[in-house]
Amino acid sequence: QVQLVESGGGLVQAGGSLRLSCAASGSFLSINTMGWYRQAPGKQRELVAVFNSGGTTNYADSVKGRFTISRDNAKNTVYLQMNSLKPEETAVYYCNADGVRLSYFGASRYYWGQGTQVTISS
């Protein structure tokens, strides 16, 4: 069992910046992938950025050049630096951890954080 706690959400003006963080805690052996997703009201949850265990990253095309994902493995924490924010990016941002090993003999699993609201005003 793993808990993911997001922080850093809030209200910001268009063009502003925000930095999100997500810390994993609980009883687990390792986490393969950590990333960020977002979901606006009435829309599907979509990938924003992913940080793989090998250090590679993936970004949604719409955020490339503006968002940066980073990871501190020692702290089991992933960050998302968001710059030049746009009003249409208002959404609940969720942290995800995938490939989580709870025991040596169990299957890997994935977990979601509770989400943090990000609102960009115009």
Protein backbone atom coordinates (compact mmCIF):
# COMPACT_ATOMS: atom_id res chain seq x y z
CA GLN A 1 0.00 0.00 0.00
CA VAL A 2 1.27 3.38 -1.08
CA GLN A 3 0.11 6.91 -0.45
CA LEU A 4 0.83 9.72 -2.90
CA VAL A 5 0.48 13.23 -1.56
CA GLU A 6 0.47 16.16 -3.98
CA SER A 7 1.13 19.76 -3.07
CA GLY A 8 1.77 23.08 -4.77
CA GLY A 9 -1.51 23.62 -6.54
CA GLY A 10 -3.36 26.91 -6.40
CA LEU A 11 -4.47 29.96 -8.31
CA VAL A 12 -2.16 31.73 -10.72
CA GLN A 13 -2.58 34.30 -13.48
CA ALA A 14 -2.13 33.39 -17.11
CA GLY A 15 1.55 33.36 -17.96
CA GLY A 16 2.51 32.56 -14.41
CA SER A 17 4.34 29.59 -12.96
CA LEU A 18 3.62 26.87 -10.46
CA ARG A 19 5.61 23.97 -9.07
CA LEU A 20 3.88 20.76 -8.03
CA SER A 21 5.36 18.04 -5.89
CA CYS A 22 4.30 14.50 -5.08
CA ALA A 23 5.78 12.36 -2.34
CA ALA A 24 5.26 8.61 -2.09
CA SER A 25 5.10 6.96 1.30
CA GLY A 26 4.11 3.61 2.75
CA SER A 27 5.39 0.06 2.53
CA PHE A 28 6.93 -0.58 -0.86
CA LEU A 29 10.19 -1.83 -2.29
CA SER A 30 10.49 0.30 -5.41
CA ILE A 31 8.66 2.48 -7.93
CA ASN A 32 9.34 2.25 -11.64
CA THR A 33 7.58 5.27 -13.11
CA MET A 34 6.20 8.47 -11.62
CA GLY A 35 4.25 11.03 -13.54
CA TRP A 36 1.61 13.71 -13.72
CA TYR A 37 -1.84 13.66 -15.28
CA ARG A 38 -4.60 16.25 -15.35
CA GLN A 39 -8.36 16.22 -15.69
CA ALA A 40 -10.56 19.19 -16.46
CA PRO A 41 -14.30 19.10 -15.65
CA GLY A 42 -16.19 16.94 -18.14
CA LYS A 43 -13.02 15.77 -19.85
CA GLN A 44 -10.86 12.67 -19.83
CA ARG A 45 -7.77 12.42 -17.70
CA GLU A 46 -4.70 13.02 -19.84
CA LEU A 47 -0.99 12.52 -19.55
CA VAL A 48 1.06 15.61 -18.82
CA ALA A 49 4.53 14.24 -18.13
CA VAL A 50 6.20 11.01 -17.06
CA PHE A 51 9.60 10.33 -15.53
CA ASN A 52 10.83 6.78 -16.09
CA SER A 53 13.13 4.86 -13.78
CA GLY A 54 15.93 5.03 -16.34
CA GLY A 55 15.81 8.81 -16.41
CA THR A 56 13.93 9.29 -19.67
CA THR A 57 10.92 11.58 -19.80
CA ASN A 58 7.76 11.94 -21.86
CA TYR A 59 5.64 15.06 -22.26
CA ALA A 60 2.33 15.90 -23.81
CA ASP A 61 2.94 17.91 -26.98
CA SER A 62 1.00 20.84 -25.59
CA VAL A 63 3.37 21.33 -22.65
CA LYS A 64 6.75 20.70 -24.25
CA GLY A 65 9.12 23.57 -23.68
CA ARG A 66 7.04 24.96 -20.83
CA PHE A 67 6.80 22.14 -18.28
CA THR A 68 9.65 20.21 -16.71
CA ILE A 69 9.33 16.99 -14.75
CA SER A 70 12.03 15.94 -12.31
CA ARG A 71 12.47 13.17 -9.79
CA ASP A 72 14.33 12.68 -6.54
CA ASN A 73 14.56 8.93 -6.05
CA ALA A 74 16.08 9.22 -2.59
CA LYS A 75 13.00 11.12 -1.44
CA ASN A 76 10.53 9.17 -3.60
CA THR A 77 9.31 12.49 -4.88
CA VAL A 78 8.42 13.77 -8.33
CA TYR A 79 8.07 17.43 -9.30
CA LEU A 80 6.41 19.34 -12.10
CA GLN A 81 7.59 22.84 -12.91
CA MET A 82 4.92 24.58 -14.96
CA ASN A 83 5.72 27.84 -16.74
CA SER A 84 3.73 30.13 -19.01
CA LEU A 85 0.47 28.63 -17.82
CA LYS A 86 -2.66 29.03 -19.92
CA PRO A 87 -6.30 29.29 -18.75
CA GLU A 88 -7.24 26.13 -20.66
CA GLU A 89 -4.82 24.19 -18.47
CA THR A 90 -7.03 24.68 -15.44
CA ALA A 91 -7.60 21.19 -14.07
CA VAL A 92 -7.05 18.81 -11.21
CA TYR A 93 -3.52 17.52 -11.49
CA TYR A 94 -2.91 13.96 -10.32
CA CYS A 95 0.29 12.22 -9.38
CA ASN A 96 0.75 8.63 -10.55
CA ALA A 97 3.19 5.94 -9.50
CA ASP A 98 3.43 2.82 -11.64
CA GLY A 99 5.39 -0.40 -11.40
CA VAL A 100 5.22 -0.28 -7.61
CA ARG A 101 6.56 -3.38 -5.89
CA LEU A 102 5.03 -4.00 -2.48
CA SER A 103 6.88 -7.25 -1.82
CA TYR A 104 9.46 -9.49 -3.41
CA PHE A 105 6.84 -12.03 -4.47
CA GLY A 106 3.91 -9.80 -5.35
CA ALA A 107 2.96 -8.24 -8.66
CA SER A 108 3.70 -4.60 -9.35
CA ARG A 109 0.84 -2.12 -9.06
CA TYR A 110 -0.07 1.49 -9.76
CA TYR A 111 -1.41 4.22 -7.49
CA TRP A 112 -3.00 7.66 -7.80
CA GLY A 113 -2.72 10.68 -5.58
CA GLN A 114 -5.76 12.61 -4.40
CA GLY A 115 -5.17 15.40 -6.90
CA THR A 116 -4.40 19.07 -6.50
CA GLN A 117 -6.41 21.87 -8.08
CA VAL A 118 -4.60 24.19 -10.46
CA THR A 119 -6.54 27.23 -11.62
CA ILE A 120 -5.20 29.70 -14.15
CA SER A 121 -7.09 32.96 -14.37
CA SER A 122 -7.25 35.25 -17.39
